[in-house]
Protein backbone atom coordinates (compact mmCIF):
# COMPACT_ATOMS: atom_id res chain seq x y z
CA MET A 1 171.18 70.32 149.24
CA SER A 2 168.02 72.87 149.47
CA GLY A 3 164.91 72.83 147.29
CA GLY A 4 165.88 76.24 146.35
CA SER A 5 169.35 75.41 145.11
CA ILE A 6 168.53 72.70 142.80
CA PRO A 7 170.90 72.48 139.93
CA ARG A 8 169.38 73.61 136.55
CA LEU A 9 170.18 75.07 133.77
CA VAL A 10 168.30 76.59 130.95
CA ILE A 11 168.83 75.70 127.17
CA ALA A 12 167.85 78.11 124.95
CA ALA A 13 168.74 79.63 120.75
CA PRO A 14 168.62 82.39 118.94
CA SER A 15 165.49 81.19 117.06
CA SER A 16 163.52 78.40 116.67
CA GLY A 17 164.49 75.92 114.18
CA ALA A 18 168.48 75.53 115.99
CA GLY A 19 167.67 72.65 117.94
CA LYS A 20 166.71 73.12 121.05
CA THR A 21 164.26 69.71 121.37
CA THR A 22 166.88 68.16 120.18
CA VAL A 23 170.04 68.73 122.74
CA ALA A 24 167.31 69.20 125.95
CA THR A 25 166.10 66.03 125.14
CA GLY A 26 169.40 64.26 124.82
CA LEU A 27 170.85 66.69 127.78
CA MET A 28 167.84 65.16 129.87
CA ALA A 29 168.53 61.57 128.12
CA ALA A 30 172.08 61.59 128.81
CA PHE A 31 172.46 62.53 132.05
CA ALA A 32 169.59 60.49 133.90
CA GLU A 33 170.94 57.43 131.85
CA ALA A 34 173.84 58.68 134.31
CA GLY A 35 172.00 57.61 137.21
CA LEU A 36 171.08 61.51 138.07
CA VAL A 37 167.48 62.22 138.41
CA VAL A 38 166.34 64.81 136.57
CA SER A 39 163.30 67.40 136.37
CA PRO A 40 162.23 68.51 132.98
CA HIS A 41 160.50 71.78 132.10
CA LYS A 42 159.33 73.30 128.96
CA VAL A 43 159.08 77.00 128.53
CA GLY A 44 155.93 78.43 126.96
CA PRO A 45 152.08 76.47 126.87
CA ASP A 46 153.54 73.94 124.30
CA TYR A 47 152.32 70.25 125.47
CA ILE A 48 154.56 68.06 123.05
CA ASP A 49 157.84 68.53 123.77
CA PRO A 50 157.48 67.54 127.76
CA GLY A 51 156.27 63.80 126.55
CA TYR A 52 159.70 63.72 124.96
CA HIS A 53 161.41 65.10 128.34
CA SER A 54 159.26 62.66 130.25
CA LEU A 55 160.20 60.08 127.95
CA ALA A 56 163.98 61.06 128.53
CA THR A 57 163.44 61.39 132.43
CA GLY A 58 160.91 59.32 133.79
CA ARG A 59 159.64 62.52 135.41
CA PRO A 60 156.55 64.44 134.31
CA GLY A 61 157.41 67.13 131.70
CA ARG A 62 156.29 70.24 132.91
CA ASN A 63 155.55 74.19 131.97
CA LEU A 64 156.59 77.39 132.81
CA ASP A 65 154.66 79.97 131.16
CA ALA A 66 154.84 83.47 132.55
CA TYR A 67 151.91 84.63 130.35
CA LEU A 68 149.26 81.68 131.39
CA CYS A 69 149.92 81.67 135.28
CA GLY A 70 152.20 84.71 135.61
CA PRO A 71 155.78 85.51 136.36
CA GLY A 72 155.55 85.21 140.25
CA ARG A 73 154.34 81.21 139.93
CA ILE A 74 157.22 80.24 137.64
CA ALA A 75 159.71 79.73 140.59
CA PRO A 76 157.03 78.23 142.82
CA LEU A 77 156.10 75.97 140.19
CA PHE A 78 159.91 75.07 139.09
CA LEU A 79 160.38 74.35 142.81
CA HIS A 80 157.15 72.06 143.19
CA GLY A 81 158.22 70.02 140.06
CA ALA A 82 161.73 69.84 140.51
CA ALA A 83 161.73 68.44 144.20
CA GLY A 84 164.35 65.50 144.54
CA ALA A 85 165.80 66.19 141.43
CA ASP A 86 169.39 66.54 141.02
CA LEU A 87 169.29 68.39 138.23
CA ALA A 88 166.97 70.69 136.23
CA LEU A 89 167.04 71.16 132.35
CA VAL A 90 164.49 73.88 131.05
CA GLU A 91 164.02 73.93 127.33
CA GLY A 92 163.23 77.30 125.93
CA VAL A 93 160.74 78.28 123.32
CA MET A 94 161.45 80.09 119.89
CA GLY A 95 164.41 82.64 120.54
CA LEU A 96 165.79 83.37 123.69
CA PHE A 97 164.26 86.68 123.83
CA ASP A 98 161.10 86.40 122.62
CA GLY A 99 158.14 86.50 124.41
CA ALA A 100 154.21 87.22 124.01
CA SER A 101 153.79 89.19 120.98
CA GLY A 102 154.03 92.84 121.90
CA MET A 103 154.26 92.21 125.65
CA GLY A 104 158.09 92.93 125.96
CA GLU A 105 159.99 90.36 127.60
CA LEU A 106 156.97 88.51 128.99
CA SER A 107 156.84 84.53 128.72
CA SER A 108 159.90 84.70 126.85
CA THR A 109 163.19 82.26 127.68
CA ALA A 110 165.20 85.37 128.82
CA GLN A 111 162.19 86.12 131.62
CA VAL A 112 162.05 82.77 132.95
CA ALA A 113 165.68 81.94 132.87
CA LYS A 114 166.43 85.52 135.49
CA LEU A 115 162.88 84.56 137.38
CA LEU A 116 165.14 80.91 138.29
CA ARG A 117 168.03 83.20 138.29
CA ALA A 118 169.46 79.76 135.92
CA PRO A 119 172.43 79.84 133.57
CA VAL A 120 171.72 79.81 129.61
CA VAL A 121 173.50 77.81 127.64
CA LEU A 122 172.64 78.35 124.02
CA VAL A 123 172.12 75.84 121.27
CA VAL A 124 173.72 77.74 118.06
CA ASP A 125 173.00 76.25 114.44
CA ALA A 126 176.59 76.59 113.04
CA SER A 127 175.15 74.92 110.03
CA SER A 128 175.75 77.65 107.31
CA GLN A 129 178.46 79.86 109.47
CA SER A 130 181.91 79.83 111.07
CA ARG A 131 183.40 83.61 112.26
CA SER A 132 180.15 84.55 112.90
CA VAL A 133 178.99 82.65 115.40
CA ALA A 134 180.93 84.68 117.86
CA ALA A 135 179.54 87.80 116.59
CA LEU A 136 176.38 85.70 116.85
CA VAL A 137 176.61 84.63 120.93
CA HIS A 138 178.48 88.24 121.82
CA GLY A 139 175.24 89.82 120.67
CA PHE A 140 172.89 87.56 122.44
CA ALA A 141 175.48 87.68 125.95
CA SER A 142 175.20 91.52 125.81
CA TRP A 143 171.73 91.83 125.10
CA ASP A 144 170.53 91.64 128.39
CA PRO A 145 173.00 91.84 131.43
CA GLU A 146 170.32 90.39 133.66
CA VAL A 147 170.91 87.04 131.55
CA ARG A 148 173.38 85.12 132.26
CA LEU A 149 174.69 83.37 128.57
CA ALA A 150 176.94 80.87 130.04
CA GLY A 151 178.05 79.02 127.91
CA VAL A 152 177.17 77.25 123.83
CA ILE A 153 176.39 74.07 122.05
CA LEU A 154 177.17 74.12 118.55
CA ASN A 155 174.73 72.06 116.42
CA LYS A 156 174.75 70.83 113.08
CA VAL A 157 178.45 71.18 112.88
CA GLY A 158 179.65 69.79 108.93
CA SER A 159 183.17 68.34 109.73
CA ASP A 160 185.97 68.18 112.14
CA ARG A 161 187.54 71.78 110.50
CA HIS A 162 184.29 73.00 110.43
CA GLU A 163 184.09 72.91 114.41
CA GLU A 164 188.08 73.39 114.74
CA LEU A 165 187.05 77.10 112.83
CA LEU A 166 184.00 77.43 114.97
CA ARG A 167 185.89 76.99 118.22
CA GLU A 168 188.41 79.53 116.86
CA ALA A 169 185.65 81.96 116.71
CA MET A 170 184.04 81.88 119.92
CA ASP A 171 187.62 81.69 122.05
CA SER A 172 187.50 85.46 121.60
CA SER A 173 183.50 85.52 122.56
CA GLY A 174 184.21 84.63 126.23
CA VAL A 175 181.65 82.40 126.04
CA PRO A 176 182.70 79.00 126.80
CA VAL A 177 181.93 75.96 123.61
CA LEU A 178 180.09 73.05 125.60
CA GLY A 179 179.93 70.84 122.52
CA ALA A 180 179.61 69.93 119.10
CA LEU A 181 176.85 68.03 117.10
CA ARG A 182 177.32 66.74 114.25
CA ARG A 183 174.58 67.21 111.42
CA ASP A 184 172.64 63.65 111.73
CA GLY A 185 169.05 63.08 110.49
CA ARG A 186 168.85 59.41 112.32
CA ALA A 187 167.47 60.80 115.80
CA GLY A 188 164.33 62.15 113.80
CA THR A 189 161.60 63.22 115.72
CA PRO A 190 158.99 63.69 112.87
CA SER A 191 156.41 66.48 112.53
CA ARG A 192 152.67 67.17 111.47
CA HIS A 193 150.44 70.12 111.41
CA LEU A 194 151.09 71.26 114.98
CA GLY A 195 154.48 70.57 115.90
CA LEU A 196 156.23 66.93 116.61
CA VAL A 197 154.64 63.84 116.60
CA PRO A 198 153.01 63.57 120.45
CA VAL A 199 155.07 60.53 122.07
CA ALA A 200 151.67 58.50 122.61
CA GLU A 201 151.38 58.20 118.66
CA ARG A 202 155.05 56.33 118.11
CA ARG A 203 155.99 54.96 121.39
CA THR A 204 158.49 52.43 120.32
CA GLU A 205 159.75 55.01 117.65
CA ALA A 206 160.34 57.65 120.29
CA VAL A 207 161.98 55.23 122.63
CA GLU A 208 164.54 54.71 119.77
CA SER A 209 164.59 58.28 118.86
CA VAL A 210 166.04 59.38 122.66
CA ALA A 211 167.70 56.97 123.14
CA GLU A 212 169.95 58.48 119.80
CA LEU A 213 170.04 61.95 120.92
CA ALA A 214 171.59 60.70 124.31
CA ALA A 215 174.31 58.83 122.20
CA ARG A 216 175.12 62.02 120.13
CA VAL A 217 174.93 64.26 123.25
CA ARG A 218 177.28 62.10 125.01
CA GLU A 219 179.66 62.21 122.56
CA GLY A 220 179.58 65.53 121.46
CA CYS A 221 178.71 67.51 124.99
CA ASP A 222 180.80 67.94 127.97
CA LEU A 223 178.34 66.73 130.67
CA ALA A 224 180.70 67.37 133.10
CA ALA A 225 181.13 70.76 132.72
CA LEU A 226 177.32 71.43 132.04
CA LEU A 227 176.54 69.73 135.25
CA ALA A 228 179.64 72.07 137.05
CA LEU A 229 177.89 74.69 135.65
CA ALA A 230 173.97 73.96 136.78
CA ARG A 231 175.73 74.00 140.35
CA THR A 232 176.57 77.05 140.18
CA VAL A 233 173.22 78.46 140.51
CA PRO A 234 172.49 80.74 143.76
CA GLU A 235 169.48 79.52 146.31
CA LEU A 236 165.90 80.42 144.96
CA PRO A 237 164.09 81.83 147.74
CA ASP A 238 160.24 81.22 146.52
CA THR A 239 158.54 78.28 148.28
CA PRO A 240 157.34 75.69 145.99
CA TRP A 241 153.84 75.76 144.90
CA ASP A 242 150.84 73.85 146.85
CA PRO A 243 148.25 72.29 144.98
CA ALA A 244 146.52 72.13 148.46
CA ALA A 245 147.48 74.71 149.48
CA GLU A 246 146.59 76.80 146.29
CA LEU A 247 142.51 75.38 146.81
CA ALA A 248 139.98 77.16 148.95
CA PRO A 249 137.78 74.22 151.25
CA ALA A 250 135.93 72.41 148.15
CA ALA A 251 132.73 70.25 148.34
CA GLY A 252 134.75 67.59 147.33
CA LYS A 253 137.01 67.56 149.76
CA ASP A 254 134.14 66.41 152.90
CA ALA A 255 132.41 64.06 150.55
CA PRO A 256 131.74 60.71 152.05
CA GLU A 257 133.29 59.09 148.90
CA LYS A 258 135.30 60.93 146.99
CA PRO A 259 133.66 61.77 143.13
CA LEU A 260 135.82 60.21 140.48
CA ILE A 261 137.01 62.57 137.69
CA ALA A 262 137.72 59.93 134.86
CA VAL A 263 140.27 62.10 132.24
CA ALA A 264 140.67 61.28 128.71
CA GLY A 265 144.71 60.22 127.53
CA GLY A 266 145.85 58.25 125.19
CA ALA A 267 147.17 58.68 121.93
CA ALA A 268 144.26 60.95 120.51
CA PHE A 269 144.11 63.28 123.83
CA THR A 270 147.81 63.84 124.94
CA PHE A 271 147.15 67.22 125.52
CA SER A 272 147.64 68.07 129.45
CA TYR A 273 149.34 69.96 132.32
CA ALA A 274 150.76 67.93 135.25
CA GLU A 275 149.17 70.45 137.89
CA HIS A 276 145.60 69.62 136.68
CA ALA A 277 145.79 66.08 137.68
CA GLU A 278 147.41 67.27 141.35
CA LEU A 279 144.94 69.76 141.93
CA LEU A 280 141.73 67.64 141.22
CA ALA A 281 143.26 65.04 143.60
CA ALA A 282 143.88 67.98 146.20
CA ALA A 283 140.31 69.28 145.76
CA GLY A 284 139.23 65.69 146.40
CA ALA A 285 138.75 63.94 143.56
CA GLU A 286 139.77 60.61 142.73
CA VAL A 287 141.82 60.98 139.19
CA ALA A 288 141.00 58.09 136.87
CA PRO A 289 142.59 58.03 133.58
CA PHE A 290 141.00 56.55 130.24
CA ASP A 291 141.82 55.76 126.55
CA PRO A 292 139.05 57.02 124.46
CA LEU A 293 140.50 54.81 121.56
CA ARG A 294 140.30 51.89 123.51
CA ASP A 295 138.13 51.96 126.40
CA GLU A 296 134.28 51.14 125.67
CA GLN A 297 133.14 52.85 128.75
CA LEU A 298 133.99 55.60 131.63
CA PRO A 299 135.50 54.30 134.51
CA PRO A 300 132.93 53.25 136.79
CA GLY A 301 131.66 55.35 138.95
CA THR A 302 132.57 58.49 137.20
CA ARG A 303 131.23 61.91 138.69
CA GLY A 304 133.29 64.19 136.36
CA LEU A 305 135.04 64.54 133.27
CA VAL A 306 137.94 66.50 131.77
CA ILE A 307 138.74 66.10 127.97
CA GLY A 308 141.91 68.19 127.63
CA GLY A 309 143.48 68.56 123.72
CA GLY A 310 145.15 66.29 121.40
CA PHE A 311 144.69 65.29 117.75
CA PRO A 312 140.89 63.92 117.45
CA GLU A 313 141.22 64.84 113.99
CA MET A 314 143.85 62.05 113.18
CA TYR A 315 142.02 59.16 114.70
CA ALA A 316 138.24 60.25 114.21
CA PRO A 317 137.73 57.22 112.19
CA ASP A 318 138.51 54.90 115.50
CA LEU A 319 137.10 57.85 117.89
CA SER A 320 133.91 57.11 116.23
CA ALA A 321 133.77 53.74 115.65
CA ASN A 322 133.92 53.46 119.62
CA ALA A 323 130.28 54.10 119.78
CA PRO A 324 129.62 52.07 123.61
CA LEU A 325 132.02 55.28 124.71
CA ARG A 326 130.48 58.01 122.78
CA ALA A 327 127.12 57.17 124.13
CA ALA A 328 128.76 56.91 127.77
CA VAL A 329 129.87 60.66 127.30
CA ALA A 330 126.89 61.57 125.63
CA ALA A 331 124.88 60.22 128.83
CA LEU A 332 127.20 61.56 131.55
CA ALA A 333 126.84 64.79 130.22
CA ALA A 334 123.09 64.41 129.62
CA SER A 335 123.02 63.57 133.74
CA GLY A 336 124.28 66.91 134.51
CA ALA A 337 127.68 65.55 135.60
CA PRO A 338 130.56 68.52 135.29
CA VAL A 339 132.22 67.94 132.08
CA SER A 340 135.50 69.73 131.07
CA ALA A 341 136.88 70.13 127.43
CA GLU A 342 139.29 71.85 125.76
CA CYS A 343 140.26 72.07 122.14
CA ALA A 344 140.23 68.42 121.16
CA GLY A 345 138.00 67.84 123.61
CA LEU A 346 135.28 70.25 122.54
CA LEU A 347 135.74 68.64 118.93
CA TYR A 348 135.19 65.28 120.38
CA LEU A 349 131.82 66.05 122.23
CA SER A 350 130.89 68.19 118.73
CA ARG A 351 128.38 66.33 116.27
CA SER A 352 131.21 65.07 113.66
CA ILE A 353 134.84 65.81 112.88
CA ASP A 354 134.63 65.58 109.02
CA GLY A 355 131.46 63.94 108.86
CA LYS A 356 132.77 61.40 111.23
CA PRO A 357 129.89 61.03 114.42
CA MET A 358 131.36 61.81 117.94
CA CYS A 359 129.76 62.46 121.04
CA GLY A 360 126.68 64.54 119.72
CA VAL A 361 126.75 66.77 123.40
CA LEU A 362 127.33 70.14 121.45
CA PRO A 363 125.22 71.19 118.07
CA ALA A 364 128.31 71.32 116.00
CA GLU A 365 130.16 70.27 113.19
CA ALA A 366 134.12 70.41 113.21
CA ARG A 367 136.69 70.03 110.59
CA MET A 368 139.82 70.25 109.68
CA THR A 369 141.02 73.60 107.97
CA GLU A 370 144.44 74.73 106.71
CA ARG A 371 144.36 77.99 108.77
CA LEU A 372 146.46 77.64 111.93
CA THR A 373 144.84 79.46 114.91
CA LEU A 374 147.49 80.12 117.16
CA GLY A 375 147.94 82.85 119.91
CA TYR A 376 147.67 84.15 123.83
CA ARG A 377 143.78 84.63 124.91
CA GLU A 378 142.59 86.40 127.79
CA ALA A 379 138.86 85.88 128.71
CA VAL A 380 136.30 86.04 131.30
CA ALA A 381 134.13 83.45 132.17
CA LEU A 382 130.32 85.30 131.05
CA ARG A 383 128.18 83.29 133.56
CA ASP A 384 128.26 80.89 136.40
CA ASN A 385 129.32 76.92 135.24
CA ALA A 386 130.45 73.88 136.54
CA LEU A 387 134.31 75.07 135.39
CA ALA A 388 133.97 78.72 136.48
CA ALA A 389 132.20 81.24 138.55
CA ALA A 390 130.95 84.40 136.17
CA GLY A 391 133.50 87.49 136.31
CA THR A 392 136.50 85.44 136.33
CA ARG A 393 139.21 86.24 134.29
CA VAL A 394 141.69 83.58 132.55
CA ARG A 395 144.96 83.62 130.08
CA GLY A 396 144.77 80.66 127.88
CA HIS A 397 145.90 79.72 124.14
CA GLU A 398 144.68 78.53 120.91
CA PHE A 399 146.69 75.58 119.09
CA HIS A 400 144.52 74.10 116.49
CA ARG A 401 143.47 74.26 112.55
CA THR A 402 139.98 72.84 112.74
CA VAL A 403 136.83 75.24 112.86
CA LEU A 404 133.48 74.50 114.89
CA GLU A 405 130.73 75.76 113.18
CA PRO A 406 128.60 77.01 115.22
CA GLY A 407 131.93 78.74 117.37
CA ALA A 408 130.03 79.37 120.16
CA GLY A 409 126.43 78.01 121.96
CA ALA A 410 123.57 80.25 123.29
CA ASP A 411 125.23 80.31 126.46
CA PRO A 412 129.02 80.99 125.39
CA ALA A 413 131.80 79.36 127.39
CA TRP A 414 134.10 82.43 127.57
CA GLY A 415 134.04 86.32 126.45
CA LEU A 416 137.38 86.87 124.80
CA THR A 417 138.78 90.56 125.64
CA HIS A 418 142.35 90.26 124.13
CA PRO A 419 143.49 90.60 121.66
CA GLU A 420 140.13 90.26 119.93
CA ARG A 421 136.35 89.96 121.17
CA ARG A 422 134.33 87.75 120.31
CA VAL A 423 132.75 85.10 122.24
CA GLU A 424 133.73 81.53 122.10
CA GLY A 425 132.95 77.66 123.23
CA PHE A 426 129.81 76.19 125.03
CA VAL A 427 127.81 75.95 128.32
CA SER A 428 125.36 73.37 128.83
CA GLY A 429 124.59 72.19 131.89
CA GLY A 430 126.40 70.53 133.57
CA VAL A 431 129.33 70.62 130.03
CA HIS A 432 132.38 73.66 129.89
CA ALA A 433 133.58 73.32 126.53
CA SER A 434 136.21 75.67 124.65
CA TYR A 435 138.98 75.83 122.09
CA LEU A 436 141.23 78.10 124.66
CA HIS A 437 143.76 75.92 126.78
CA VAL A 438 143.81 76.93 130.31
CA HIS A 439 146.61 76.13 132.70
CA TRP A 440 144.99 75.78 136.44
CA ALA A 441 148.01 76.66 138.21
CA ALA A 442 147.00 79.99 137.25
CA GLU A 443 143.52 80.04 138.79
CA PRO A 444 142.93 76.39 141.08
CA SER A 445 139.35 77.99 141.79
CA LEU A 446 138.53 76.02 138.21
CA ALA A 447 139.58 72.61 139.57
CA GLY A 448 138.13 73.72 143.29
CA ARG A 449 134.57 74.02 141.23
CA LEU A 450 134.69 70.78 139.04
CA VAL A 451 135.42 68.84 142.13
CA ALA A 452 133.11 70.47 144.04
CA SER A 453 130.32 69.66 141.11
CA ALA A 454 130.80 66.60 141.12
CA ALA A 455 130.92 66.01 144.43
CA ARG A 456 127.12 67.52 144.27
CA SER A 457 126.00 65.50 140.67
CA ALA A 458 123.61 63.10 141.25
CA ALA A 459 125.18 61.89 137.79
CA ALA A 460 123.86 58.23 137.29
CA PRO A 461 125.96 55.17 137.92
CA ASP A 462 124.59 53.93 134.73
CA ALA A 463 125.97 56.35 132.79
CA ALA A 464 129.53 55.54 133.72
CA ARG A 465 129.52 51.71 133.69
C-alpha cells in the first residue's frame, strides 16, 4: 500500500455536541485494540481532543487546519502524520460545513474531507427524533456533491424500539447506518471553561474513559463495514510534508553542538502541535521536554525555551511555588537566549496570575475573567525578533479566558490585521511572548530562526542548571 492510499475516514456531525469526539475516540481505540496501526487527526486548531486520540492510538494526535496552514498543506501534513498506518481517522470540527467565520468552507470538516478525498461518516444525535433523522441526513448528503457522505452512526439512541424506527427511516435515505450507540454516561470526558479537561490532567480516568468508549463502539458499530469503507479511498497525489525540506539552512544545523531547546509540558502546558518539535529537531536542535510543575531547573545546557499553551491559571499556586524554576526561566530570558511563549507561556512569563507570582520576565499582570476570547487572527511581525523577521505574516488563533494588563509591550510581538487591528504581545531581548497560537508548519522559518538564535546564543550554562 502506498502512502497516498492509506485507508481513511472523516468522522463529522451536523453540529457540535452530537458526539464526534466520543465516536471518533472510541473508533480509534477499538481499531487499535484490534491490532491496527491507527493514525489520529483532528480538523481545526483544538489541542485537547488530540490528547485523547493519542491515548487511544499510541500515536501523536495531529491537527489539520486549512486556515492556519493553508489548504495546500492539508494532504501533505496528513500523509506525514499517517505514514506507516493501517487506518487514519479524522475527527471533524463543529458542524460538517462550518468553517472560519465569513470565509465560506475554509477550515471546515467538509473542505478537509474533500482535500483528503475521504468518505465522511456522520454522527447524528438521535435523542429527540425518529423519522426526521432521514431528512436531516438527506440534506447533509445532498448539500455539496463533492463531499462523499458514505455512512451514519446514530448516537444517543434511547431503546431497541427507537433504533428500529431510526433504521426504518434511514432505509429510504440511501445512506447506510454503520452504527447505533445507546445513551450512556459511563464514559464521561469532563469539561470546563475551554472544553474537555486535557488527558495530562486526568490520566488514569482518561485511560478508563477511552477503554469504555472502545467497548461501546465495538458493541454498537459495524467495524468491518467501517474499515471496508475506509479502504475505498483513491490515491492522494500529494507528497508527504517533510520538516527538513521545509527549512532554509539554519545556523543550528552547522553548529558544533546541537543547541538544546527546552519545551514545557506536563499538566499545565499541554497545548502544542507535534510538528513544532519535529521542525525544531529538523533545524538542528536537541529538543528536551520538561515539566514546570515538577522540575526545579531547566534541562542542563538549555540555550532556548518554548512554552506553549495550556491551563496555567488552574495550576497557578503550584507554578508559583516552584520558585527555583521561575528564577531559572527569568535568568535564561535575561541572558538573551531565545524564548517563545504562547498564551499559557505568556502568562507564565508575566509577573503574576491572579496575584500568584510567576517568572516576572514581562512587566504585566494576568487574571482570569468570565469572557472567552476565541477566534482566528491574521498578524504581522512588526520588528525583527528571535522568532520572526519583520514583516513575517502569520495566521493564528486566540483561545483564553484571561486578561493581561498591559496587553502589549513597548515592542509588541504582533500587529493584528484581521478581523481587528491592534498590537499584541511582547518582544524584549530574545523573548517573544503572545496570546496568539501559530502553527509553525505554515511558517517553518519560525522554528529555523529560533534554533539559529539558540545556536548563536551565549546563554550562560548557569542559567540552566
